[in-house]
């Protein structure tokens, strides 16, 4: 669930106001992509609208394209699909080794 920024009712011209939905999840953003794409909005416009609402938290324009392609192919879920196999641990091992070396 998103937290929304409260905005005063006075004039905000010249003020930097945080985007109202900057704390949302990637799954929520994917849902927005799916919904707005279904309305026929172009990819660039989808990303532009998302930037206005999510600010720096917005997924990349490339990811918007990737997800639209997935939805065009029939995908309906906005959550990641579970993967089989062993999870990657190379980053944590490397970090552990570096930490031990620095002590």
N, C-alpha and C. Protein backbone atom coordinates (compact mmCIF):
# COMPACT_ATOMS: atom_id res chain seq x y z
N UNK A 1 0.83 -1.17 0.00
CA UNK A 1 0.00 0.00 0.00
C UNK A 1 0.88 1.24 0.00
N UNK A 2 0.46 2.28 -0.69
CA UNK A 2 1.24 3.51 -0.80
C UNK A 2 0.91 4.47 0.32
N UNK A 3 1.90 5.25 0.67
CA UNK A 3 1.61 6.38 1.54
C UNK A 3 1.58 7.59 0.64
N UNK A 4 0.61 8.45 0.85
CA UNK A 4 0.52 9.63 -0.01
C UNK A 4 0.95 10.85 0.76
N UNK A 5 1.60 11.76 0.04
CA UNK A 5 2.07 13.00 0.66
C UNK A 5 0.88 13.94 0.80
N UNK A 6 0.79 14.60 1.93
CA UNK A 6 -0.26 15.60 2.13
C UNK A 6 0.21 16.90 1.52
N UNK A 7 -0.65 17.52 0.74
CA UNK A 7 -0.31 18.79 0.12
C UNK A 7 -1.23 19.87 0.67
N UNK A 8 -0.64 21.05 0.91
CA UNK A 8 -1.45 22.16 1.42
C UNK A 8 -2.33 22.68 0.30
N UNK A 9 -3.42 23.32 0.68
CA UNK A 9 -4.35 23.81 -0.33
C UNK A 9 -3.89 25.14 -0.92
N UNK A 10 -2.84 25.76 -0.37
CA UNK A 10 -2.32 27.02 -0.89
C UNK A 10 -1.54 26.82 -2.16
N UNK A 11 -1.01 27.91 -2.69
CA UNK A 11 -0.23 27.85 -3.92
C UNK A 11 1.10 27.18 -3.66
N UNK A 12 1.44 26.20 -4.50
CA UNK A 12 2.70 25.48 -4.35
C UNK A 12 3.68 25.82 -5.47
N UNK A 13 3.44 26.90 -6.18
CA UNK A 13 4.32 27.24 -7.29
C UNK A 13 5.72 27.50 -6.76
N UNK A 14 6.70 26.91 -7.42
CA UNK A 14 8.08 27.10 -7.03
C UNK A 14 8.54 26.18 -5.91
N UNK A 15 7.63 25.46 -5.28
CA UNK A 15 7.99 24.54 -4.21
C UNK A 15 8.23 23.17 -4.79
N UNK A 16 9.16 22.44 -4.19
CA UNK A 16 9.38 21.05 -4.57
C UNK A 16 8.47 20.18 -3.73
N UNK A 17 7.46 19.61 -4.35
CA UNK A 17 6.51 18.75 -3.65
C UNK A 17 6.80 17.32 -4.05
N UNK A 18 6.95 16.45 -3.06
CA UNK A 18 7.22 15.05 -3.36
C UNK A 18 6.07 14.45 -4.13
N UNK A 19 6.39 13.57 -5.10
CA UNK A 19 5.31 12.88 -5.80
C UNK A 19 4.46 12.11 -4.80
N UNK A 20 3.16 12.08 -4.98
CA UNK A 20 2.28 11.49 -3.97
C UNK A 20 2.42 9.98 -3.79
N UNK A 21 2.95 9.27 -4.76
CA UNK A 21 2.99 7.81 -4.66
C UNK A 21 4.41 7.26 -4.63
N UNK A 22 5.37 8.03 -4.16
CA UNK A 22 6.77 7.62 -4.25
C UNK A 22 7.13 6.38 -3.45
N UNK A 23 6.31 5.95 -2.51
CA UNK A 23 6.63 4.79 -1.68
C UNK A 23 5.89 3.52 -2.09
N UNK A 24 5.51 3.39 -3.35
CA UNK A 24 4.75 2.24 -3.81
C UNK A 24 5.64 1.08 -4.22
N UNK A 25 5.03 -0.08 -4.29
CA UNK A 25 5.76 -1.29 -4.68
C UNK A 25 5.86 -1.41 -6.19
N UNK A 26 6.80 -2.21 -6.64
CA UNK A 26 6.96 -2.46 -8.07
C UNK A 26 5.74 -3.18 -8.64
N UNK A 27 5.13 -4.03 -7.82
CA UNK A 27 3.94 -4.74 -8.29
C UNK A 27 2.80 -3.76 -8.55
N UNK A 28 2.68 -2.75 -7.71
CA UNK A 28 1.64 -1.74 -7.94
C UNK A 28 1.92 -0.99 -9.23
N UNK A 29 3.18 -0.64 -9.46
CA UNK A 29 3.52 0.06 -10.70
C UNK A 29 3.24 -0.81 -11.92
N UNK A 30 3.50 -2.10 -11.82
CA UNK A 30 3.19 -3.00 -12.93
C UNK A 30 1.69 -3.04 -13.19
N UNK A 31 0.90 -3.00 -12.13
CA UNK A 31 -0.55 -2.96 -12.26
C UNK A 31 -1.01 -1.70 -12.97
N UNK A 32 -0.36 -0.60 -12.65
CA UNK A 32 -0.68 0.67 -13.33
C UNK A 32 -0.33 0.57 -14.81
N UNK A 33 0.84 0.00 -15.11
CA UNK A 33 1.24 -0.18 -16.52
C UNK A 33 0.18 -0.99 -17.24
N UNK A 34 -0.25 -2.09 -16.65
CA UNK A 34 -1.24 -2.95 -17.29
C UNK A 34 -2.56 -2.22 -17.52
N UNK A 35 -3.01 -1.50 -16.51
CA UNK A 35 -4.28 -0.80 -16.59
C UNK A 35 -4.25 0.30 -17.65
N UNK A 36 -3.21 1.15 -17.61
CA UNK A 36 -3.14 2.29 -18.53
C UNK A 36 -2.88 1.80 -19.96
N UNK A 37 -2.05 0.76 -20.11
CA UNK A 37 -1.83 0.18 -21.44
C UNK A 37 -3.14 -0.35 -22.02
N UNK A 38 -3.96 -0.99 -21.18
CA UNK A 38 -5.24 -1.53 -21.64
C UNK A 38 -6.17 -0.42 -22.13
N UNK A 39 -5.96 0.80 -21.65
CA UNK A 39 -6.75 1.94 -22.13
C UNK A 39 -6.23 2.49 -23.45
N UNK A 40 -5.12 1.94 -23.94
CA UNK A 40 -4.58 2.38 -25.22
C UNK A 40 -3.56 3.49 -25.14
N UNK A 41 -3.05 3.76 -23.96
CA UNK A 41 -2.06 4.83 -23.79
C UNK A 41 -0.70 4.34 -24.30
N UNK A 42 0.03 5.21 -25.00
CA UNK A 42 1.34 4.85 -25.55
C UNK A 42 2.36 4.68 -24.44
N UNK A 43 3.38 3.86 -24.71
CA UNK A 43 4.39 3.52 -23.72
C UNK A 43 5.09 4.74 -23.13
N UNK A 44 5.49 5.67 -23.97
CA UNK A 44 6.19 6.86 -23.48
C UNK A 44 5.29 7.66 -22.54
N UNK A 45 4.02 7.76 -22.89
CA UNK A 45 3.06 8.49 -22.05
C UNK A 45 2.83 7.76 -20.73
N UNK A 46 2.80 6.44 -20.76
CA UNK A 46 2.65 5.67 -19.52
C UNK A 46 3.79 6.02 -18.58
N UNK A 47 5.01 5.96 -19.09
CA UNK A 47 6.18 6.25 -18.25
C UNK A 47 6.16 7.69 -17.76
N UNK A 48 5.78 8.61 -18.61
CA UNK A 48 5.70 10.03 -18.24
C UNK A 48 4.70 10.23 -17.09
N UNK A 49 3.54 9.61 -17.19
CA UNK A 49 2.53 9.71 -16.13
C UNK A 49 3.04 9.11 -14.82
N UNK A 50 3.73 7.98 -14.95
CA UNK A 50 4.25 7.33 -13.74
C UNK A 50 5.32 8.19 -13.07
N UNK A 51 6.17 8.84 -13.86
CA UNK A 51 7.17 9.73 -13.29
C UNK A 51 6.53 10.85 -12.46
N UNK A 52 5.42 11.37 -12.95
CA UNK A 52 4.72 12.43 -12.23
C UNK A 52 4.19 11.95 -10.89
N UNK A 53 3.82 10.68 -10.79
CA UNK A 53 3.22 10.17 -9.55
C UNK A 53 4.22 9.47 -8.64
N UNK A 54 5.19 8.76 -9.21
CA UNK A 54 6.12 7.96 -8.42
C UNK A 54 7.49 8.61 -8.26
N UNK A 55 7.79 9.62 -9.05
CA UNK A 55 9.07 10.32 -8.94
C UNK A 55 10.24 9.38 -9.18
N UNK A 56 11.27 9.50 -8.33
CA UNK A 56 12.49 8.70 -8.47
C UNK A 56 12.25 7.21 -8.29
N UNK A 57 11.12 6.84 -7.71
CA UNK A 57 10.80 5.43 -7.49
C UNK A 57 10.23 4.75 -8.73
N UNK A 58 10.02 5.52 -9.80
CA UNK A 58 9.42 4.98 -11.02
C UNK A 58 10.32 3.95 -11.68
N UNK A 59 9.72 2.87 -12.13
CA UNK A 59 10.45 1.88 -12.90
C UNK A 59 10.94 2.51 -14.19
N UNK A 60 11.95 1.96 -14.80
CA UNK A 60 12.53 2.54 -16.02
C UNK A 60 11.57 2.41 -17.21
N UNK A 61 11.80 3.25 -18.20
CA UNK A 61 10.99 3.20 -19.41
C UNK A 61 11.17 1.85 -20.09
N UNK A 62 12.35 1.29 -20.04
CA UNK A 62 12.62 -0.02 -20.62
C UNK A 62 11.77 -1.09 -19.94
N UNK A 63 11.67 -1.03 -18.60
CA UNK A 63 10.86 -2.01 -17.87
C UNK A 63 9.38 -1.86 -18.21
N UNK A 64 8.92 -0.64 -18.43
CA UNK A 64 7.53 -0.43 -18.86
C UNK A 64 7.32 -1.16 -20.18
N UNK A 65 8.27 -1.01 -21.11
CA UNK A 65 8.17 -1.69 -22.40
C UNK A 65 8.14 -3.21 -22.22
N UNK A 66 9.04 -3.72 -21.38
CA UNK A 66 9.11 -5.17 -21.14
C UNK A 66 7.78 -5.68 -20.60
N UNK A 67 7.21 -4.97 -19.63
CA UNK A 67 5.95 -5.44 -19.03
C UNK A 67 4.78 -5.33 -20.00
N UNK A 68 4.76 -4.29 -20.82
CA UNK A 68 3.69 -4.20 -21.83
C UNK A 68 3.79 -5.37 -22.79
N UNK A 69 4.99 -5.73 -23.20
CA UNK A 69 5.17 -6.88 -24.08
C UNK A 69 4.67 -8.16 -23.40
N UNK A 70 4.92 -8.30 -22.11
CA UNK A 70 4.43 -9.47 -21.38
C UNK A 70 2.90 -9.49 -21.34
N UNK A 71 2.31 -8.34 -21.10
CA UNK A 71 0.84 -8.27 -21.07
C UNK A 71 0.25 -8.54 -22.45
N UNK A 72 0.91 -8.05 -23.50
CA UNK A 72 0.45 -8.33 -24.87
C UNK A 72 0.47 -9.83 -25.16
N UNK A 73 1.43 -10.52 -24.55
CA UNK A 73 1.57 -11.96 -24.76
C UNK A 73 0.61 -12.78 -23.92
N UNK A 74 -0.24 -12.10 -23.14
CA UNK A 74 -1.24 -12.81 -22.37
C UNK A 74 -1.00 -12.89 -20.87
N UNK A 75 0.11 -12.37 -20.41
CA UNK A 75 0.37 -12.41 -18.97
C UNK A 75 -0.62 -11.50 -18.25
N UNK A 76 -1.10 -11.96 -17.11
CA UNK A 76 -2.03 -11.15 -16.32
C UNK A 76 -1.48 -10.83 -14.93
N UNK A 77 -0.58 -11.66 -14.43
CA UNK A 77 -0.01 -11.44 -13.10
C UNK A 77 1.02 -10.32 -13.12
N UNK A 78 1.05 -9.53 -12.08
CA UNK A 78 2.04 -8.46 -11.96
C UNK A 78 3.15 -8.82 -10.98
N UNK A 79 3.00 -9.97 -10.33
CA UNK A 79 4.03 -10.42 -9.41
C UNK A 79 5.05 -11.27 -10.15
N UNK A 80 6.25 -11.36 -9.57
CA UNK A 80 7.28 -12.19 -10.17
C UNK A 80 6.90 -13.65 -10.05
N UNK A 81 7.25 -14.41 -11.06
CA UNK A 81 6.99 -15.84 -11.06
C UNK A 81 8.13 -16.51 -10.31
N UNK A 82 7.78 -17.45 -9.43
CA UNK A 82 8.81 -18.17 -8.69
C UNK A 82 9.70 -18.95 -9.62
N UNK A 83 10.95 -19.07 -9.25
CA UNK A 83 11.92 -19.78 -10.08
C UNK A 83 12.42 -21.00 -9.33
N UNK A 84 12.69 -22.04 -10.07
CA UNK A 84 13.22 -23.24 -9.44
C UNK A 84 14.74 -23.15 -9.42
N UNK A 85 15.33 -23.99 -8.61
CA UNK A 85 16.78 -24.03 -8.54
C UNK A 85 17.31 -23.31 -7.32
N UNK A 86 18.59 -23.35 -7.20
CA UNK A 86 19.28 -22.78 -6.06
C UNK A 86 19.35 -21.26 -6.19
N UNK A 87 19.07 -20.53 -5.13
CA UNK A 87 19.17 -19.07 -5.20
C UNK A 87 20.63 -18.63 -5.31
N UNK A 88 20.85 -17.52 -5.96
CA UNK A 88 22.20 -17.00 -6.11
C UNK A 88 22.75 -16.54 -4.77
N UNK A 89 23.98 -16.92 -4.48
CA UNK A 89 24.62 -16.49 -3.23
C UNK A 89 25.97 -15.85 -3.48
N UNK A 90 26.33 -15.65 -4.74
CA UNK A 90 27.66 -15.14 -5.05
C UNK A 90 27.90 -13.76 -4.46
N UNK A 91 26.92 -12.91 -4.46
CA UNK A 91 27.09 -11.57 -3.90
C UNK A 91 27.36 -11.62 -2.41
N UNK A 92 26.57 -12.43 -1.71
CA UNK A 92 26.76 -12.48 -0.27
C UNK A 92 28.09 -13.12 0.10
N UNK A 93 28.52 -14.12 -0.66
CA UNK A 93 29.83 -14.74 -0.40
C UNK A 93 30.95 -13.74 -0.63
N UNK A 94 30.85 -12.99 -1.70
CA UNK A 94 31.88 -12.00 -2.01
C UNK A 94 31.92 -10.93 -0.93
N UNK A 95 30.77 -10.48 -0.51
CA UNK A 95 30.69 -9.48 0.55
C UNK A 95 31.27 -10.01 1.84
N UNK A 96 30.99 -11.28 2.15
CA UNK A 96 31.55 -11.91 3.36
C UNK A 96 33.05 -11.98 3.30
N UNK A 97 33.57 -12.37 2.15
CA UNK A 97 35.01 -12.47 1.98
C UNK A 97 35.68 -11.11 2.11
N UNK A 98 35.09 -10.10 1.54
CA UNK A 98 35.63 -8.76 1.64
C UNK A 98 35.59 -8.25 3.07
N UNK A 99 34.52 -8.56 3.76
CA UNK A 99 34.38 -8.13 5.15
C UNK A 99 35.42 -8.81 6.03
N UNK A 100 35.62 -10.11 5.84
CA UNK A 100 36.63 -10.84 6.62
C UNK A 100 38.02 -10.32 6.33
N UNK A 101 38.27 -9.98 5.08
CA UNK A 101 39.60 -9.50 4.66
C UNK A 101 39.89 -8.15 5.28
N UNK A 102 38.87 -7.31 5.41
CA UNK A 102 39.07 -5.95 5.92
C UNK A 102 39.23 -5.92 7.44
N UNK A 103 38.86 -6.98 8.14
CA UNK A 103 38.97 -7.00 9.61
C UNK A 103 40.32 -7.38 10.07
